[in-house]
């Protein structure tokens, strides 16, 4: 059976903090400022960005109980788009040559204009994935837009805490070969 508890139990003993954090951050009490839909959309986008396909599939099964098809699609779209944007904009930041920023990006990003969900929610997903991918420019830009949309700092922090925890769980499960996750799901 695929449950949040089975994923938590699949984590090795050394990752006890992750077991506890995963149970906490995916709840309304553990993610202040976010709705249940935002919590699970951020979790799914973060799992998708983690590059652990088995974990992402399992988390999507759980998230689908809280999300409609548009939010599932948007979570994957945010992870896909930020995989590209975070590399490009991190380059612009790191190269230390302002002339590159003056050149057109010439990268298609139409999903940002029409994500299929509220734009603020898509920004939240993009922020979480950008934090995972380590693009400071994108993190700053998405945080700024979220604050302009009226999101409180505590909500922004909640999204990044979810991203950090989900990403860490995905990595630990990947390192352990996923056998424990498969056994826990059986």
C-alpha atoms as a PDB file:
ATOM      1  CA  UNK A   1       0.000   0.000   0.000  1.00  0.00           C
ATOM      2  CA  UNK A   2       1.306   3.436  -0.927  1.00  0.00           C
ATOM      3  CA  UNK A   3       0.823   5.805   1.991  1.00  0.00           C
ATOM      4  CA  UNK A   4       2.782   8.663   3.465  1.00  0.00           C
ATOM      5  CA  UNK A   5       3.516   6.397   6.418  1.00  0.00           C
ATOM      6  CA  UNK A   6       4.941   3.689   4.127  1.00  0.00           C
ATOM      7  CA  UNK A   7       7.276   6.248   2.532  1.00  0.00           C
ATOM      8  CA  UNK A   8       8.359   7.466   5.955  1.00  0.00           C
ATOM      9  CA  UNK A   9       8.956   3.890   7.154  1.00  0.00           C
ATOM     10  CA  UNK A  10      11.095   3.182   4.083  1.00  0.00           C
ATOM     11  CA  UNK A  11      13.667   5.730   5.238  1.00  0.00           C
ATOM     12  CA  UNK A  12      16.681   4.229   7.017  1.00  0.00           C
ATOM     13  CA  UNK A  13      17.251   4.886  10.698  1.00  0.00           C
ATOM     14  CA  UNK A  14      19.861   7.561  10.084  1.00  0.00           C
ATOM     15  CA  UNK A  15      17.167   9.645   8.369  1.00  0.00           C
ATOM     16  CA  UNK A  16      14.833   9.748  11.393  1.00  0.00           C
ATOM     17  CA  UNK A  17      14.700  13.552  11.208  1.00  0.00           C
ATOM     18  CA  UNK A  18      13.471  13.293   7.620  1.00  0.00           C
ATOM     19  CA  UNK A  19      10.778  10.803   8.679  1.00  0.00           C
ATOM     20  CA  UNK A  20       9.518  13.280  11.246  1.00  0.00           C
ATOM     21  CA  UNK A  21       9.846  16.318   8.984  1.00  0.00           C
ATOM     22  CA  UNK A  22       8.007  14.649   6.088  1.00  0.00           C
ATOM     23  CA  UNK A  23       5.064  13.903   8.347  1.00  0.00           C
ATOM     24  CA  UNK A  24       5.066  17.482   9.585  1.00  0.00           C
ATOM     25  CA  UNK A  25       5.609  19.627   6.490  1.00  0.00           C
ATOM     26  CA  UNK A  26       2.858  17.897   4.510  1.00  0.00           C
ATOM     27  CA  UNK A  27       0.207  19.011   6.979  1.00  0.00           C
ATOM     28  CA  UNK A  28      -1.602  22.313   7.461  1.00  0.00           C
ATOM     29  CA  UNK A  29      -0.095  22.664  10.952  1.00  0.00           C
ATOM     30  CA  UNK A  30       3.403  22.016   9.613  1.00  0.00           C
ATOM     31  CA  UNK A  31       3.097  24.348   6.607  1.00  0.00           C
ATOM     32  CA  UNK A  32       1.591  27.566   7.959  1.00  0.00           C
ATOM     33  CA  UNK A  33       0.204  29.936   5.358  1.00  0.00           C
ATOM     34  CA  UNK A  34      -0.377  27.280   2.696  1.00  0.00           C
ATOM     35  CA  UNK A  35      -3.594  25.556   1.682  1.00  0.00           C
ATOM     36  CA  UNK A  36      -3.742  21.776   1.441  1.00  0.00           C
ATOM     37  CA  UNK A  37      -3.665  22.071  -2.349  1.00  0.00           C
ATOM     38  CA  UNK A  38      -0.566  24.301  -2.239  1.00  0.00           C
ATOM     39  CA  UNK A  39       1.171  21.904   0.166  1.00  0.00           C
ATOM     40  CA  UNK A  40       0.671  18.905  -2.082  1.00  0.00           C
ATOM     41  CA  UNK A  41       1.409  20.784  -5.326  1.00  0.00           C
ATOM     42  CA  UNK A  42       4.703  22.033  -3.863  1.00  0.00           C
ATOM     43  CA  UNK A  43       5.492  18.503  -2.669  1.00  0.00           C
ATOM     44  CA  UNK A  44       4.812  17.044  -6.124  1.00  0.00           C
ATOM     45  CA  UNK A  45       6.826  19.711  -7.953  1.00  0.00           C
ATOM     46  CA  UNK A  46       9.678  19.125  -5.501  1.00  0.00           C
ATOM     47  CA  UNK A  47       9.528  15.369  -5.975  1.00  0.00           C
ATOM     48  CA  UNK A  48       9.539  15.827  -9.746  1.00  0.00           C
ATOM     49  CA  UNK A  49      12.606  18.068  -9.437  1.00  0.00           C
ATOM     50  CA  UNK A  50      14.341  15.441  -7.279  1.00  0.00           C
ATOM     51  CA  UNK A  51      14.959  13.163 -10.274  1.00  0.00           C
ATOM     52  CA  UNK A  52      13.837  10.079  -8.329  1.00  0.00           C
ATOM     53  CA  UNK A  53      11.197   8.645 -10.658  1.00  0.00           C
ATOM     54  CA  UNK A  54       9.909   5.936  -8.301  1.00  0.00           C
ATOM     55  CA  UNK A  55       9.519   8.345  -5.396  1.00  0.00           C
ATOM     56  CA  UNK A  56       7.851  10.912  -7.683  1.00  0.00           C
ATOM     57  CA  UNK A  57       5.305   8.333  -8.883  1.00  0.00           C
ATOM     58  CA  UNK A  58       4.508   7.326  -5.307  1.00  0.00           C
ATOM     59  CA  UNK A  59       4.201  10.907  -4.131  1.00  0.00           C
ATOM     60  CA  UNK A  60       2.003  11.744  -7.125  1.00  0.00           C
ATOM     61  CA  UNK A  61      -0.376   8.942  -6.119  1.00  0.00           C
ATOM     62  CA  UNK A  62      -0.667  10.535  -2.682  1.00  0.00           C
ATOM     63  CA  UNK A  63      -0.851  14.082  -4.018  1.00  0.00           C
ATOM     64  CA  UNK A  64      -3.612  13.157  -6.483  1.00  0.00           C
ATOM     65  CA  UNK A  65      -5.921  12.684  -3.496  1.00  0.00           C
ATOM     66  CA  UNK A  66      -5.545  16.436  -2.826  1.00  0.00           C
ATOM     67  CA  UNK A  67      -5.019  17.876  -6.327  1.00  0.00           C
ATOM     68  CA  UNK A  68      -6.982  18.168  -9.520  1.00  0.00           C
ATOM     69  CA  UNK A  69      -5.432  17.301 -12.882  1.00  0.00           C
ATOM     70  CA  UNK A  70      -4.504  20.943 -13.545  1.00  0.00           C
ATOM     71  CA  UNK A  71      -2.406  21.135 -10.367  1.00  0.00           C
ATOM     72  CA  UNK A  72      -0.696  17.805 -11.074  1.00  0.00           C
ATOM     73  CA  UNK A  73       0.183  19.030 -14.560  1.00  0.00           C
ATOM     74  CA  UNK A  74       1.352  22.420 -13.250  1.00  0.00           C
ATOM     75  CA  UNK A  75       3.607  20.762 -10.670  1.00  0.00           C
ATOM     76  CA  UNK A  76       5.369  18.778 -13.385  1.00  0.00           C
ATOM     77  CA  UNK A  77       5.455  21.808 -15.699  1.00  0.00           C
ATOM     78  CA  UNK A  78       7.122  23.914 -12.997  1.00  0.00           C
ATOM     79  CA  UNK A  79       9.758  21.235 -12.412  1.00  0.00           C
ATOM     80  CA  UNK A  80      10.406  20.917 -16.154  1.00  0.00           C
ATOM     81  CA  UNK A  81      10.541  24.641 -16.873  1.00  0.00           C
ATOM     82  CA  UNK A  82      12.707  25.446 -13.860  1.00  0.00           C
ATOM     83  CA  UNK A  83      15.125  22.671 -14.852  1.00  0.00           C
ATOM     84  CA  UNK A  84      15.834  24.808 -17.916  1.00  0.00           C
ATOM     85  CA  UNK A  85      15.458  28.289 -16.439  1.00  0.00           C
ATOM     86  CA  UNK A  86      17.511  27.619 -13.336  1.00  0.00           C
ATOM     87  CA  UNK A  87      20.508  26.605 -15.449  1.00  0.00           C
ATOM     88  CA  UNK A  88      20.148  29.558 -17.804  1.00  0.00           C
ATOM     89  CA  UNK A  89      19.589  32.236 -15.162  1.00  0.00           C
ATOM     90  CA  UNK A  90      22.211  30.795 -12.832  1.00  0.00           C
ATOM     91  CA  UNK A  91      24.653  31.138 -15.739  1.00  0.00           C
ATOM     92  CA  UNK A  92      23.668  34.787 -16.192  1.00  0.00           C
ATOM     93  CA  UNK A  93      24.311  35.393 -12.515  1.00  0.00           C
ATOM     94  CA  UNK A  94      27.596  33.470 -12.311  1.00  0.00           C
ATOM     95  CA  UNK A  95      29.244  34.634 -15.520  1.00  0.00           C
ATOM     96  CA  UNK A  96      29.711  38.168 -14.135  1.00  0.00           C
ATOM     97  CA  UNK A  97      29.317  39.748 -17.551  1.00  0.00           C
ATOM     98  CA  UNK A  98      26.279  42.038 -17.743  1.00  0.00           C
ATOM     99  CA  UNK A  99      26.282  41.899 -21.540  1.00  0.00           C
ATOM    100  CA  UNK A 100      24.792  38.363 -21.482  1.00  0.00           C
ATOM    101  CA  UNK A 101      21.737  39.638 -19.596  1.00  0.00           C
ATOM    102  CA  UNK A 102      21.104  42.118 -22.409  1.00  0.00           C
ATOM    103  CA  UNK A 103      20.778  39.305 -24.956  1.00  0.00           C
ATOM    104  CA  UNK A 104      17.326  37.774 -25.478  1.00  0.00           C
ATOM    105  CA  UNK A 105      16.962  34.404 -23.761  1.00  0.00           C
ATOM    106  CA  UNK A 106      15.200  32.896 -26.789  1.00  0.00           C
ATOM    107  CA  UNK A 107      13.843  30.118 -24.589  1.00  0.00           C
ATOM    108  CA  UNK A 108      10.165  29.289 -24.727  1.00  0.00           C
ATOM    109  CA  UNK A 109       8.448  29.800 -21.345  1.00  0.00           C
ATOM    110  CA  UNK A 110       4.767  30.158 -22.281  1.00  0.00           C
ATOM    111  CA  UNK A 111       3.544  28.036 -19.378  1.00  0.00           C
ATOM    112  CA  UNK A 112       4.463  30.903 -17.034  1.00  0.00           C
ATOM    113  CA  UNK A 113       1.854  33.088 -18.732  1.00  0.00           C
ATOM    114  CA  UNK A 114      -0.812  30.378 -18.750  1.00  0.00           C
ATOM    115  CA  UNK A 115      -0.014  27.693 -16.157  1.00  0.00           C
ATOM    116  CA  UNK A 116      -3.573  26.353 -15.875  1.00  0.00           C
ATOM    117  CA  UNK A 117      -3.692  27.245 -12.163  1.00  0.00           C
ATOM    118  CA  UNK A 118      -3.525  30.512 -10.244  1.00  0.00           C
ATOM    119  CA  UNK A 119      -0.349  32.360 -11.225  1.00  0.00           C
ATOM    120  CA  UNK A 120       0.633  32.847  -7.578  1.00  0.00           C
ATOM    121  CA  UNK A 121       0.410  29.085  -7.045  1.00  0.00           C
ATOM    122  CA  UNK A 122       2.606  28.454 -10.088  1.00  0.00           C
ATOM    123  CA  UNK A 123       5.115  30.970  -8.724  1.00  0.00           C
ATOM    124  CA  UNK A 124       5.101  29.021  -5.448  1.00  0.00           C
ATOM    125  CA  UNK A 125       5.927  25.802  -7.307  1.00  0.00           C
ATOM    126  CA  UNK A 126       8.626  27.583  -9.307  1.00  0.00           C
ATOM    127  CA  UNK A 127      10.145  28.976  -6.117  1.00  0.00           C
ATOM    128  CA  UNK A 128      10.312  25.530  -4.511  1.00  0.00           C
ATOM    129  CA  UNK A 129      11.957  23.954  -7.561  1.00  0.00           C
ATOM    130  CA  UNK A 130      14.370  26.883  -7.938  1.00  0.00           C
ATOM    131  CA  UNK A 131      15.422  26.446  -4.309  1.00  0.00           C
ATOM    132  CA  UNK A 132      16.134  22.755  -4.988  1.00  0.00           C
ATOM    133  CA  UNK A 133      18.080  23.604  -8.134  1.00  0.00           C
ATOM    134  CA  UNK A 134      20.060  26.322  -6.367  1.00  0.00           C
ATOM    135  CA  UNK A 135      19.354  29.271  -8.633  1.00  0.00           C
ATOM    136  CA  UNK A 136      19.612  32.374  -6.477  1.00  0.00           C
ATOM    137  CA  UNK A 137      18.367  34.699  -9.198  1.00  0.00           C
ATOM    138  CA  UNK A 138      15.226  32.619  -9.731  1.00  0.00           C
ATOM    139  CA  UNK A 139      14.614  32.179  -6.002  1.00  0.00           C
ATOM    140  CA  UNK A 140      14.803  35.948  -5.505  1.00  0.00           C
ATOM    141  CA  UNK A 141      12.566  36.675  -8.500  1.00  0.00           C
ATOM    142  CA  UNK A 142       9.860  34.156  -7.541  1.00  0.00           C
ATOM    143  CA  UNK A 143       9.917  35.233  -3.884  1.00  0.00           C
ATOM    144  CA  UNK A 144       9.483  38.857  -4.934  1.00  0.00           C
ATOM    145  CA  UNK A 145       6.488  38.001  -7.140  1.00  0.00           C
ATOM    146  CA  UNK A 146       4.915  35.907  -4.383  1.00  0.00           C
ATOM    147  CA  UNK A 147       5.241  38.757  -1.911  1.00  0.00           C
ATOM    148  CA  UNK A 148       3.641  41.099  -4.483  1.00  0.00           C
ATOM    149  CA  UNK A 149       0.738  38.619  -4.665  1.00  0.00           C
ATOM    150  CA  UNK A 150       0.321  39.013  -0.906  1.00  0.00           C
ATOM    151  CA  UNK A 151       1.894  35.756   0.255  1.00  0.00           C
ATOM    152  CA  UNK A 152       3.356  36.102   3.737  1.00  0.00           C
ATOM    153  CA  UNK A 153       6.964  35.181   4.504  1.00  0.00           C
ATOM    154  CA  UNK A 154       5.799  32.265   6.638  1.00  0.00           C
ATOM    155  CA  UNK A 155       4.006  30.744   3.626  1.00  0.00           C
ATOM    156  CA  UNK A 156       7.102  31.197   1.440  1.00  0.00           C
ATOM    157  CA  UNK A 157       9.196  29.558   4.141  1.00  0.00           C
ATOM    158  CA  UNK A 158       6.703  26.683   4.371  1.00  0.00           C
ATOM    159  CA  UNK A 159       7.042  26.010   0.637  1.00  0.00           C
ATOM    160  CA  UNK A 160      10.836  25.933   0.854  1.00  0.00           C
ATOM    161  CA  UNK A 161      10.704  23.673   3.925  1.00  0.00           C
ATOM    162  CA  UNK A 162       8.522  21.251   1.948  1.00  0.00           C
ATOM    163  CA  UNK A 163      10.941  21.406  -0.991  1.00  0.00           C
ATOM    164  CA  UNK A 164      13.953  20.805   1.243  1.00  0.00           C
ATOM    165  CA  UNK A 165      12.365  17.852   3.011  1.00  0.00           C
ATOM    166  CA  UNK A 166      10.900  16.183  -0.083  1.00  0.00           C
ATOM    167  CA  UNK A 167      14.191  16.585  -1.934  1.00  0.00           C
ATOM    168  CA  UNK A 168      16.170  15.095   0.959  1.00  0.00           C
ATOM    169  CA  UNK A 169      13.773  12.139   1.252  1.00  0.00           C
ATOM    170  CA  UNK A 170      14.059  11.487  -2.492  1.00  0.00           C
ATOM    171  CA  UNK A 171      17.858  11.514  -2.309  1.00  0.00           C
ATOM    172  CA  UNK A 172      18.032   9.203   0.711  1.00  0.00           C
ATOM    173  CA  UNK A 173      15.630   6.744  -0.914  1.00  0.00           C
ATOM    174  CA  UNK A 174      17.690   6.876  -4.091  1.00  0.00           C
ATOM    175  CA  UNK A 175      20.907   6.214  -2.150  1.00  0.00           C
ATOM    176  CA  UNK A 176      19.334   3.263  -0.358  1.00  0.00           C
ATOM    177  CA  UNK A 177      18.419   1.833  -3.746  1.00  0.00           C
ATOM    178  CA  UNK A 178      14.695   2.211  -3.190  1.00  0.00           C
ATOM    179  CA  UNK A 179      14.412  -1.373  -1.919  1.00  0.00           C
ATOM    180  CA  UNK A 180      12.948  -0.236   1.372  1.00  0.00           C
ATOM    181  CA  UNK A 181      10.369   1.918  -0.422  1.00  0.00           C
ATOM    182  CA  UNK A 182       9.336  -1.016  -2.612  1.00  0.00           C
ATOM    183  CA  UNK A 183       9.062  -3.296   0.438  1.00  0.00           C
ATOM    184  CA  UNK A 184       7.052  -0.727   2.379  1.00  0.00           C
ATOM    185  CA  UNK A 185       4.643  -0.312  -0.526  1.00  0.00           C
ATOM    186  CA  UNK A 186       4.094  -4.069  -0.890  1.00  0.00           C
END
